[in-house]
C-alpha atoms as a PDB file:
ATOM      1  CA  UNK A   1      25.967  28.705  52.963  1.00  0.00           C
ATOM      2  CA  UNK A   2      27.199  26.716  50.011  1.00  0.00           C
ATOM      3  CA  UNK A   3      25.065  24.275  48.072  1.00  0.00           C
ATOM      4  CA  UNK A   4      26.265  20.743  47.626  1.00  0.00           C
ATOM      5  CA  UNK A   5      26.425  19.894  43.940  1.00  0.00           C
ATOM      6  CA  UNK A   6      24.774  16.622  42.883  1.00  0.00           C
ATOM      7  CA  UNK A   7      26.485  14.786  40.083  1.00  0.00           C
ATOM      8  CA  UNK A   8      24.259  14.299  37.081  1.00  0.00           C
ATOM      9  CA  UNK A   9      26.224  11.648  35.299  1.00  0.00           C
ATOM     10  CA  UNK A  10      27.917   8.446  36.212  1.00  0.00           C
ATOM     11  CA  UNK A  11      27.227   4.727  35.882  1.00  0.00           C
ATOM     12  CA  UNK A  12      23.858   4.842  37.580  1.00  0.00           C
ATOM     13  CA  UNK A  13      22.476   7.312  35.078  1.00  0.00           C
ATOM     14  CA  UNK A  14      24.065   5.412  32.204  1.00  0.00           C
ATOM     15  CA  UNK A  15      22.299   2.262  33.302  1.00  0.00           C
ATOM     16  CA  UNK A  16      18.969   4.070  33.657  1.00  0.00           C
ATOM     17  CA  UNK A  17      19.324   5.418  30.148  1.00  0.00           C
ATOM     18  CA  UNK A  18      19.730   1.998  28.664  1.00  0.00           C
ATOM     19  CA  UNK A  19      16.596   0.797  26.768  1.00  0.00           C
ATOM     20  CA  UNK A  20      14.774  -2.219  28.274  1.00  0.00           C
ATOM     21  CA  UNK A  21      14.802  -5.501  26.416  1.00  0.00           C
ATOM     22  CA  UNK A  22      11.175  -4.987  25.439  1.00  0.00           C
ATOM     23  CA  UNK A  23      12.032  -1.719  23.748  1.00  0.00           C
ATOM     24  CA  UNK A  24      15.020  -3.322  22.005  1.00  0.00           C
ATOM     25  CA  UNK A  25      12.762  -6.196  20.812  1.00  0.00           C
ATOM     26  CA  UNK A  26      10.207  -3.762  19.397  1.00  0.00           C
ATOM     27  CA  UNK A  27      12.952  -1.850  17.625  1.00  0.00           C
ATOM     28  CA  UNK A  28      14.357  -5.016  16.105  1.00  0.00           C
ATOM     29  CA  UNK A  29      10.958  -6.151  14.868  1.00  0.00           C
ATOM     30  CA  UNK A  30      10.420  -2.708  13.349  1.00  0.00           C
ATOM     31  CA  UNK A  31      13.754  -2.874  11.571  1.00  0.00           C
ATOM     32  CA  UNK A  32      13.068  -6.323  10.214  1.00  0.00           C
ATOM     33  CA  UNK A  33       9.568  -5.375   8.990  1.00  0.00           C
ATOM     34  CA  UNK A  34      10.807  -2.282   7.181  1.00  0.00           C
ATOM     35  CA  UNK A  35      13.555  -4.063   5.257  1.00  0.00           C
ATOM     36  CA  UNK A  36      11.744  -5.678   2.327  1.00  0.00           C
ATOM     37  CA  UNK A  37      14.600  -7.911   1.248  1.00  0.00           C
ATOM     38  CA  UNK A  38      14.715  -9.459   4.720  1.00  0.00           C
ATOM     39  CA  UNK A  39      10.982  -9.942   5.110  1.00  0.00           C
ATOM     40  CA  UNK A  40      10.574 -11.443   1.635  1.00  0.00           C
ATOM     41  CA  UNK A  41      13.014 -14.214   2.496  1.00  0.00           C
ATOM     42  CA  UNK A  42      10.336 -15.603   4.838  1.00  0.00           C
ATOM     43  CA  UNK A  43       7.737 -16.153   2.116  1.00  0.00           C
ATOM     44  CA  UNK A  44       9.659 -18.881   0.240  1.00  0.00           C
ATOM     45  CA  UNK A  45       9.739 -20.969   3.440  1.00  0.00           C
ATOM     46  CA  UNK A  46       5.955 -21.357   3.250  1.00  0.00           C
ATOM     47  CA  UNK A  47       5.692 -21.537  -0.521  1.00  0.00           C
ATOM     48  CA  UNK A  48       8.486 -24.046  -1.082  1.00  0.00           C
ATOM     49  CA  UNK A  49       7.745 -26.045   2.072  1.00  0.00           C
ATOM     50  CA  UNK A  50       4.080 -26.513   1.343  1.00  0.00           C
ATOM     51  CA  UNK A  51       4.576 -26.880  -2.409  1.00  0.00           C
ATOM     52  CA  UNK A  52       7.150 -29.604  -2.100  1.00  0.00           C
ATOM     53  CA  UNK A  53       5.040 -31.460   0.433  1.00  0.00           C
ATOM     54  CA  UNK A  54       2.090 -31.267  -1.939  1.00  0.00           C
ATOM     55  CA  UNK A  55       4.159 -32.679  -4.831  1.00  0.00           C
ATOM     56  CA  UNK A  56       5.518 -35.439  -2.634  1.00  0.00           C
ATOM     57  CA  UNK A  57       1.992 -36.323  -1.479  1.00  0.00           C
ATOM     58  CA  UNK A  58       0.706 -36.457  -5.044  1.00  0.00           C
ATOM     59  CA  UNK A  59       3.587 -38.623  -6.101  1.00  0.00           C
ATOM     60  CA  UNK A  60       3.097 -41.165  -3.376  1.00  0.00           C
ATOM     61  CA  UNK A  61      -0.696 -40.974  -3.575  1.00  0.00           C
ATOM     62  CA  UNK A  62      -0.681 -41.998  -7.221  1.00  0.00           C
ATOM     63  CA  UNK A  63       1.186 -45.248  -6.573  1.00  0.00           C
ATOM     64  CA  UNK A  64      -0.664 -48.570  -6.798  1.00  0.00           C
ATOM     65  CA  UNK A  65      -1.211 -50.446  -3.508  1.00  0.00           C
ATOM     66  CA  UNK A  66       1.446 -53.020  -4.294  1.00  0.00           C
ATOM     67  CA  UNK A  67       4.119 -50.314  -4.358  1.00  0.00           C
ATOM     68  CA  UNK A  68       3.205 -48.753  -0.975  1.00  0.00           C
ATOM     69  CA  UNK A  69       4.402 -51.617   1.250  1.00  0.00           C
ATOM     70  CA  UNK A  70       6.101 -50.052   4.319  1.00  0.00           C
ATOM     71  CA  UNK A  71       5.219 -46.593   3.160  1.00  0.00           C
ATOM     72  CA  UNK A  72       5.253 -43.862   5.885  1.00  0.00           C
ATOM     73  CA  UNK A  73       2.538 -41.274   5.201  1.00  0.00           C
ATOM     74  CA  UNK A  74       4.357 -38.751   7.375  1.00  0.00           C
ATOM     75  CA  UNK A  75       7.344 -38.679   5.038  1.00  0.00           C
ATOM     76  CA  UNK A  76       5.826 -36.465   2.330  1.00  0.00           C
ATOM     77  CA  UNK A  77       4.278 -34.125   4.960  1.00  0.00           C
ATOM     78  CA  UNK A  78       7.714 -32.917   6.030  1.00  0.00           C
ATOM     79  CA  UNK A  79       9.724 -33.527   2.889  1.00  0.00           C
ATOM     80  CA  UNK A  80       9.208 -29.906   1.827  1.00  0.00           C
ATOM     81  CA  UNK A  81      11.079 -28.687   4.862  1.00  0.00           C
ATOM     82  CA  UNK A  82      14.372 -29.939   3.414  1.00  0.00           C
ATOM     83  CA  UNK A  83      14.243 -27.069   0.889  1.00  0.00           C
ATOM     84  CA  UNK A  84      11.942 -24.643   2.635  1.00  0.00           C
ATOM     85  CA  UNK A  85      14.383 -24.433   5.552  1.00  0.00           C
ATOM     86  CA  UNK A  86      16.968 -22.753   3.322  1.00  0.00           C
ATOM     87  CA  UNK A  87      14.909 -19.569   3.109  1.00  0.00           C
ATOM     88  CA  UNK A  88      14.771 -19.322   6.907  1.00  0.00           C
ATOM     89  CA  UNK A  89      18.537 -19.863   7.016  1.00  0.00           C
ATOM     90  CA  UNK A  90      18.985 -16.917   4.638  1.00  0.00           C
ATOM     91  CA  UNK A  91      16.606 -14.869   6.798  1.00  0.00           C
ATOM     92  CA  UNK A  92      18.587 -15.573   9.954  1.00  0.00           C
ATOM     93  CA  UNK A  93      21.827 -14.558   8.208  1.00  0.00           C
ATOM     94  CA  UNK A  94      20.335 -11.307   6.815  1.00  0.00           C
ATOM     95  CA  UNK A  95      18.867 -10.199  10.132  1.00  0.00           C
ATOM     96  CA  UNK A  96      22.325 -10.122  11.676  1.00  0.00           C
ATOM     97  CA  UNK A  97      24.896  -9.739   8.928  1.00  0.00           C
ATOM     98  CA  UNK A  98      23.064  -7.148   6.815  1.00  0.00           C
ATOM     99  CA  UNK A  99      23.756  -4.587   9.521  1.00  0.00           C
ATOM    100  CA  UNK A 100      27.468  -5.188   9.138  1.00  0.00           C
ATOM    101  CA  UNK A 101      27.408  -4.935   5.353  1.00  0.00           C
ATOM    102  CA  UNK A 102      25.396  -1.704   5.463  1.00  0.00           C
ATOM    103  CA  UNK A 103      27.246  -0.173   8.450  1.00  0.00           C
ATOM    104  CA  UNK A 104      24.024   0.313  10.452  1.00  0.00           C
ATOM    105  CA  UNK A 105      25.420  -1.917  13.210  1.00  0.00           C
ATOM    106  CA  UNK A 106      27.255   1.179  14.496  1.00  0.00           C
ATOM    107  CA  UNK A 107      24.030   3.096  14.944  1.00  0.00           C
ATOM    108  CA  UNK A 108      22.404   0.078  16.591  1.00  0.00           C
ATOM    109  CA  UNK A 109      25.220  -0.205  19.168  1.00  0.00           C
ATOM    110  CA  UNK A 110      25.050   3.517  19.852  1.00  0.00           C
ATOM    111  CA  UNK A 111      21.303   3.226  20.581  1.00  0.00           C
ATOM    112  CA  UNK A 112      21.835   0.015  22.633  1.00  0.00           C
ATOM    113  CA  UNK A 113      25.410   0.102  24.031  1.00  0.00           C
ATOM    114  CA  UNK A 114      24.864  -3.034  26.110  1.00  0.00           C
ATOM    115  CA  UNK A 115      25.721  -5.603  23.505  1.00  0.00           C
ATOM    116  CA  UNK A 116      24.206  -8.496  25.349  1.00  0.00           C
ATOM    117  CA  UNK A 117      20.785  -6.754  25.421  1.00  0.00           C
ATOM    118  CA  UNK A 118      21.174  -5.752  21.743  1.00  0.00           C
ATOM    119  CA  UNK A 119      21.985  -9.336  20.775  1.00  0.00           C
ATOM    120  CA  UNK A 120      19.146 -10.765  22.855  1.00  0.00           C
ATOM    121  CA  UNK A 121      16.713  -8.441  21.091  1.00  0.00           C
ATOM    122  CA  UNK A 122      17.885  -9.693  17.658  1.00  0.00           C
ATOM    123  CA  UNK A 123      17.646 -13.311  18.764  1.00  0.00           C
ATOM    124  CA  UNK A 124      14.159 -12.946  20.243  1.00  0.00           C
ATOM    125  CA  UNK A 125      12.916 -10.940  17.284  1.00  0.00           C
ATOM    126  CA  UNK A 126      14.215 -13.526  14.836  1.00  0.00           C
ATOM    127  CA  UNK A 127      12.755 -16.379  16.841  1.00  0.00           C
ATOM    128  CA  UNK A 128       9.323 -14.756  16.949  1.00  0.00           C
ATOM    129  CA  UNK A 129       9.172 -14.144  13.178  1.00  0.00           C
ATOM    130  CA  UNK A 130      10.631 -17.557  12.378  1.00  0.00           C
ATOM    131  CA  UNK A 131       7.977 -19.139  14.594  1.00  0.00           C
ATOM    132  CA  UNK A 132       5.265 -17.138  12.861  1.00  0.00           C
ATOM    133  CA  UNK A 133       6.336 -18.710   9.573  1.00  0.00           C
ATOM    134  CA  UNK A 134       7.327 -22.145  10.836  1.00  0.00           C
ATOM    135  CA  UNK A 135       3.997 -22.998  12.497  1.00  0.00           C
ATOM    136  CA  UNK A 136       1.734 -22.417   9.457  1.00  0.00           C
ATOM    137  CA  UNK A 137       4.322 -23.929   7.092  1.00  0.00           C
ATOM    138  CA  UNK A 138       4.455 -27.190   9.045  1.00  0.00           C
ATOM    139  CA  UNK A 139       0.720 -27.424   9.717  1.00  0.00           C
ATOM    140  CA  UNK A 140      -0.403 -26.521   6.181  1.00  0.00           C
ATOM    141  CA  UNK A 141       2.259 -28.739   4.663  1.00  0.00           C
ATOM    142  CA  UNK A 142       1.023 -31.660   6.786  1.00  0.00           C
ATOM    143  CA  UNK A 143      -2.656 -31.314   5.845  1.00  0.00           C
ATOM    144  CA  UNK A 144      -1.930 -30.595   2.194  1.00  0.00           C
ATOM    145  CA  UNK A 145       0.325 -33.663   1.908  1.00  0.00           C
ATOM    146  CA  UNK A 146      -2.244 -35.916   3.578  1.00  0.00           C
ATOM    147  CA  UNK A 147      -5.018 -34.622   1.331  1.00  0.00           C
ATOM    148  CA  UNK A 148      -2.803 -35.316  -1.701  1.00  0.00           C
ATOM    149  CA  UNK A 149      -2.115 -38.822  -0.470  1.00  0.00           C
ATOM    150  CA  UNK A 150      -5.816 -39.670  -0.753  1.00  0.00           C
ATOM    151  CA  UNK A 151      -6.585 -43.073   0.653  1.00  0.00           C
ATOM    152  CA  UNK A 152      -3.083 -43.290   2.151  1.00  0.00           C
ATOM    153  CA  UNK A 153      -3.415 -40.072   4.115  1.00  0.00           C
ATOM    154  CA  UNK A 154      -3.626 -39.874   7.908  1.00  0.00           C
ATOM    155  CA  UNK A 155      -4.629 -37.254  10.430  1.00  0.00           C
ATOM    156  CA  UNK A 156      -2.983 -35.695  13.456  1.00  0.00           C
ATOM    157  CA  UNK A 157      -4.165 -38.631  15.504  1.00  0.00           C
ATOM    158  CA  UNK A 158      -1.806 -40.989  13.690  1.00  0.00           C
ATOM    159  CA  UNK A 159       1.119 -42.395  15.655  1.00  0.00           C
ATOM    160  CA  UNK A 160       3.950 -39.855  15.795  1.00  0.00           C
ATOM    161  CA  UNK A 161       2.085 -37.137  13.851  1.00  0.00           C
ATOM    162  CA  UNK A 162       1.798 -34.524  16.621  1.00  0.00           C
ATOM    163  CA  UNK A 163       5.398 -35.169  17.702  1.00  0.00           C
ATOM    164  CA  UNK A 164       6.540 -34.705  14.142  1.00  0.00           C
ATOM    165  CA  UNK A 165       4.618 -31.405  13.778  1.00  0.00           C
ATOM    166  CA  UNK A 166       6.171 -30.057  16.966  1.00  0.00           C
ATOM    167  CA  UNK A 167       9.569 -31.238  15.835  1.00  0.00           C
ATOM    168  CA  UNK A 168       9.158 -29.580  12.429  1.00  0.00           C
ATOM    169  CA  UNK A 169       8.381 -26.188  14.046  1.00  0.00           C
ATOM    170  CA  UNK A 170      11.389 -26.532  16.386  1.00  0.00           C
ATOM    171  CA  UNK A 171      13.603 -27.595  13.495  1.00  0.00           C
ATOM    172  CA  UNK A 172      12.881 -24.478  11.441  1.00  0.00           C
ATOM    173  CA  UNK A 173      13.163 -22.009  14.304  1.00  0.00           C
ATOM    174  CA  UNK A 174      16.399 -23.528  15.694  1.00  0.00           C
ATOM    175  CA  UNK A 175      18.017 -23.654  12.233  1.00  0.00           C
ATOM    176  CA  UNK A 176      17.154 -19.985  11.715  1.00  0.00           C
ATOM    177  CA  UNK A 177      18.757 -19.043  15.021  1.00  0.00           C
ATOM    178  CA  UNK A 178      21.780 -21.231  14.267  1.00  0.00           C
ATOM    179  CA  UNK A 179      22.239 -19.281  11.036  1.00  0.00           C
ATOM    180  CA  UNK A 180      21.965 -15.974  12.942  1.00  0.00           C
ATOM    181  CA  UNK A 181      24.753 -17.073  15.297  1.00  0.00           C
ATOM    182  CA  UNK A 182      26.996 -18.062  12.386  1.00  0.00           C
ATOM    183  CA  UNK A 183      26.358 -14.657  10.726  1.00  0.00           C
ATOM    184  CA  UNK A 184      27.212 -12.884  14.003  1.00  0.00           C
ATOM    185  CA  UNK A 185      30.518 -14.735  14.097  1.00  0.00           C
ATOM    186  CA  UNK A 186      31.408 -14.114  10.410  1.00  0.00           C
ATOM    187  CA  UNK A 187      29.953 -10.578  10.264  1.00  0.00           C
ATOM    188  CA  UNK A 188      29.202 -10.860   6.540  1.00  0.00           C
ATOM    189  CA  UNK A 189      26.142 -12.225   4.704  1.00  0.00           C
ATOM    190  CA  UNK A 190      28.317 -13.473   1.820  1.00  0.00           C
ATOM    191  CA  UNK A 191      30.715 -15.362   4.101  1.00  0.00           C
ATOM    192  CA  UNK A 192      27.908 -16.772   6.225  1.00  0.00           C
ATOM    193  CA  UNK A 193      25.860 -18.040   3.279  1.00  0.00           C
ATOM    194  CA  UNK A 194      29.005 -19.369   1.579  1.00  0.00           C
ATOM    195  CA  UNK A 195      29.502 -21.601   4.629  1.00  0.00           C
ATOM    196  CA  UNK A 196      25.905 -22.520   5.474  1.00  0.00           C
ATOM    197  CA  UNK A 197      24.231 -23.237   2.150  1.00  0.00           C
ATOM    198  CA  UNK A 198      26.785 -25.719   0.773  1.00  0.00           C
ATOM    199  CA  UNK A 199      26.767 -27.615   4.065  1.00  0.00           C
ATOM    200  CA  UNK A 200      23.007 -27.847   4.121  1.00  0.00           C
ATOM    201  CA  UNK A 201      22.731 -28.753   0.436  1.00  0.00           C
ATOM    202  CA  UNK A 202      25.415 -31.425   0.690  1.00  0.00           C
ATOM    203  CA  UNK A 203      24.071 -32.758   3.968  1.00  0.00           C
ATOM    204  CA  UNK A 204      20.412 -33.150   3.099  1.00  0.00           C
ATOM    205  CA  UNK A 205      20.556 -33.624  -0.692  1.00  0.00           C
ATOM    206  CA  UNK A 206      23.945 -35.181  -1.324  1.00  0.00           C
ATOM    207  CA  UNK A 207      26.395 -36.584   1.201  1.00  0.00           C
ATOM    208  CA  UNK A 208      23.668 -37.440   3.689  1.00  0.00           C
ATOM    209  CA  UNK A 209      22.367 -40.092   1.325  1.00  0.00           C
ATOM    210  CA  UNK A 210      25.690 -41.951   1.087  1.00  0.00           C
ATOM    211  CA  UNK A 211      25.625 -44.808   3.662  1.00  0.00           C
ATOM    212  CA  UNK A 212      29.335 -44.684   4.339  1.00  0.00           C
ATOM    213  CA  UNK A 213      29.247 -40.989   5.246  1.00  0.00           C
ATOM    214  CA  UNK A 214      25.910 -41.038   7.119  1.00  0.00           C
ATOM    215  CA  UNK A 215      27.737 -41.820  10.403  1.00  0.00           C
ATOM    216  CA  UNK A 216      29.196 -38.272  10.219  1.00  0.00           C
ATOM    217  CA  UNK A 217      26.530 -36.301   8.316  1.00  0.00           C
ATOM    218  CA  UNK A 218      23.792 -37.493  10.620  1.00  0.00           C
ATOM    219  CA  UNK A 219      25.116 -35.020  13.190  1.00  0.00           C
ATOM    220  CA  UNK A 220      25.010 -31.961  10.928  1.00  0.00           C
ATOM    221  CA  UNK A 221      22.485 -29.347  12.156  1.00  0.00           C
ATOM    222  CA  UNK A 222      19.998 -29.852   9.302  1.00  0.00           C
ATOM    223  CA  UNK A 223      20.148 -33.679   9.704  1.00  0.00           C
ATOM    224  CA  UNK A 224      19.544 -34.155  13.432  1.00  0.00           C
ATOM    225  CA  UNK A 225      15.721 -33.593  13.188  1.00  0.00           C
ATOM    226  CA  UNK A 226      15.187 -36.158  10.419  1.00  0.00           C
ATOM    227  CA  UNK A 227      14.192 -38.949  12.822  1.00  0.00           C
ATOM    228  CA  UNK A 228      11.394 -36.958  14.405  1.00  0.00           C
ATOM    229  CA  UNK A 229      10.311 -35.709  10.946  1.00  0.00           C
ATOM    230  CA  UNK A 230      10.200 -39.261   9.562  1.00  0.00           C
ATOM    231  CA  UNK A 231      12.634 -38.323   6.846  1.00  0.00           C
ATOM    232  CA  UNK A 232      15.525 -40.652   7.881  1.00  0.00           C
ATOM    233  CA  UNK A 233      13.878 -43.846   6.704  1.00  0.00           C
ATOM    234  CA  UNK A 234      12.485 -46.765   8.756  1.00  0.00           C
ATOM    235  CA  UNK A 235      14.437 -46.907  12.014  1.00  0.00           C
ATOM    236  CA  UNK A 236      13.865 -50.613  12.322  1.00  0.00           C
ATOM    237  CA  UNK A 237      16.054 -51.246   9.219  1.00  0.00           C
ATOM    238  CA  UNK A 238      19.827 -51.270   9.691  1.00  0.00           C
ATOM    239  CA  UNK A 239      20.579 -49.247   6.582  1.00  0.00           C
ATOM    240  CA  UNK A 240      18.536 -46.309   7.777  1.00  0.00           C
ATOM    241  CA  UNK A 241      18.944 -46.400  11.527  1.00  0.00           C
ATOM    242  CA  UNK A 242      20.432 -43.352  13.252  1.00  0.00           C
ATOM    243  CA  UNK A 243      22.523 -43.379  16.395  1.00  0.00           C
ATOM    244  CA  UNK A 244      19.940 -41.330  18.294  1.00  0.00           C
ATOM    245  CA  UNK A 245      16.199 -41.079  18.810  1.00  0.00           C
ATOM    246  CA  UNK A 246      13.730 -38.353  17.818  1.00  0.00           C
ATOM    247  CA  UNK A 247      14.079 -36.024  20.807  1.00  0.00           C
ATOM    248  CA  UNK A 248      17.767 -36.735  21.154  1.00  0.00           C
ATOM    249  CA  UNK A 249      18.122 -35.420  17.629  1.00  0.00           C
ATOM    250  CA  UNK A 250      16.300 -32.245  18.566  1.00  0.00           C
ATOM    251  CA  UNK A 251      18.568 -31.931  21.620  1.00  0.00           C
ATOM    252  CA  UNK A 252      21.625 -32.123  19.337  1.00  0.00           C
ATOM    253  CA  UNK A 253      20.217 -29.321  17.199  1.00  0.00           C
ATOM    254  CA  UNK A 254      19.617 -27.290  20.365  1.00  0.00           C
ATOM    255  CA  UNK A 255      23.293 -27.735  21.252  1.00  0.00           C
ATOM    256  CA  UNK A 256      24.355 -26.682  17.756  1.00  0.00           C
ATOM    257  CA  UNK A 257      22.169 -23.538  18.028  1.00  0.00           C
ATOM    258  CA  UNK A 258      23.280 -22.694  21.575  1.00  0.00           C
ATOM    259  CA  UNK A 259      26.955 -22.985  20.510  1.00  0.00           C
ATOM    260  CA  UNK A 260      26.403 -20.826  17.454  1.00  0.00           C
ATOM    261  CA  UNK A 261      24.546 -18.112  19.413  1.00  0.00           C
ATOM    262  CA  UNK A 262      27.205 -18.121  22.121  1.00  0.00           C
ATOM    263  CA  UNK A 263      29.947 -17.748  19.547  1.00  0.00           C
ATOM    264  CA  UNK A 264      28.090 -14.892  17.890  1.00  0.00           C
ATOM    265  CA  UNK A 265      27.631 -13.096  21.215  1.00  0.00           C
ATOM    266  CA  UNK A 266      31.336 -13.421  22.108  1.00  0.00           C
ATOM    267  CA  UNK A 267      32.370 -11.969  18.736  1.00  0.00           C
ATOM    268  CA  UNK A 268      29.862  -9.113  19.069  1.00  0.00           C
ATOM    269  CA  UNK A 269      31.036  -8.373  22.623  1.00  0.00           C
ATOM    270  CA  UNK A 270      34.796  -8.460  21.963  1.00  0.00           C
ATOM    271  CA  UNK A 271      35.151  -6.960  18.453  1.00  0.00           C
ATOM    272  CA  UNK A 272      34.488  -3.408  17.303  1.00  0.00           C
ATOM    273  CA  UNK A 273      31.645  -2.806  14.907  1.00  0.00           C
END
C-alpha cells in the first residue's frame, strides 16, 4: 500500500508564513527606535515648536493695550508649528528613504514580502510616533504661549481653542505621513528633502505672504491648516480670507496625504528594491 504524499509548500503555506500586521508594526517601531539619527529628528519638533510659541507669546504680551486691537491670542500658540513641522517632515522622509540609501530595504522586503503589509507597517509606525510628539508639542505650546501673553492669554475654553489644538495635532501627523509618501515615491532622502523643504519654506515663510500668489499657495500642504490654527489672519478681512473653512482645509491636507501615500505604495509595489 502506497502512502499519498502531502505537499509541504505552495501558496497556502506562503501566506501562513507571512508576518501579521501587528508583528510588522512592532518590527518597524523597533527599527525606528534603534536608529538614533531618525529618532533625534523628533526632538526639534517639540523644542522649536514650543520655543517659537513662547517667543511669539512674549512678543505679543509685551505690547501696550493700544497696539492689541483685533489681536488673536491663538495666533502665537500655534506659530511655532510653522518651523517645528519641518523636523517631522524630515522624520517622515528618513523613516522611508533611509532604507533605500542604506540598502536595508531589501532585507525588509525579504522579511515581509507582501509589500502592502510592509508599507502599512511603516505608515502606522510613523503615525504613532508622530502623534506621540505632536500632541505634547501642540498642548505645551498652547499653554506656554498663553502664559507668556499674560493678561492677553486665554484658556482651552476660548472660542476655537479646542478645535485649533485638534487641528494642530492632525496637521503635524498628516504632514509627516505626506513626507513619507513623497520619500517612498522618490526613494532617496536627498531627493525627497530637496523637493519638500523648499516648498514648505517658500509656502509658509515666503510666497505664502504675497497676496497675489496666495490664491495658489493657500492650497499647498503646509498652508491648508492655517485657518484652523488661526495663522491665516482674520477671516472677516478680505486681504486674509481663504477660499475654504477650517475643517475643509484639514480635508484638503488629508487628500494631499492620501495621494502621497498612494503614490508611494504604487512605486513600492511596482519597482524593484
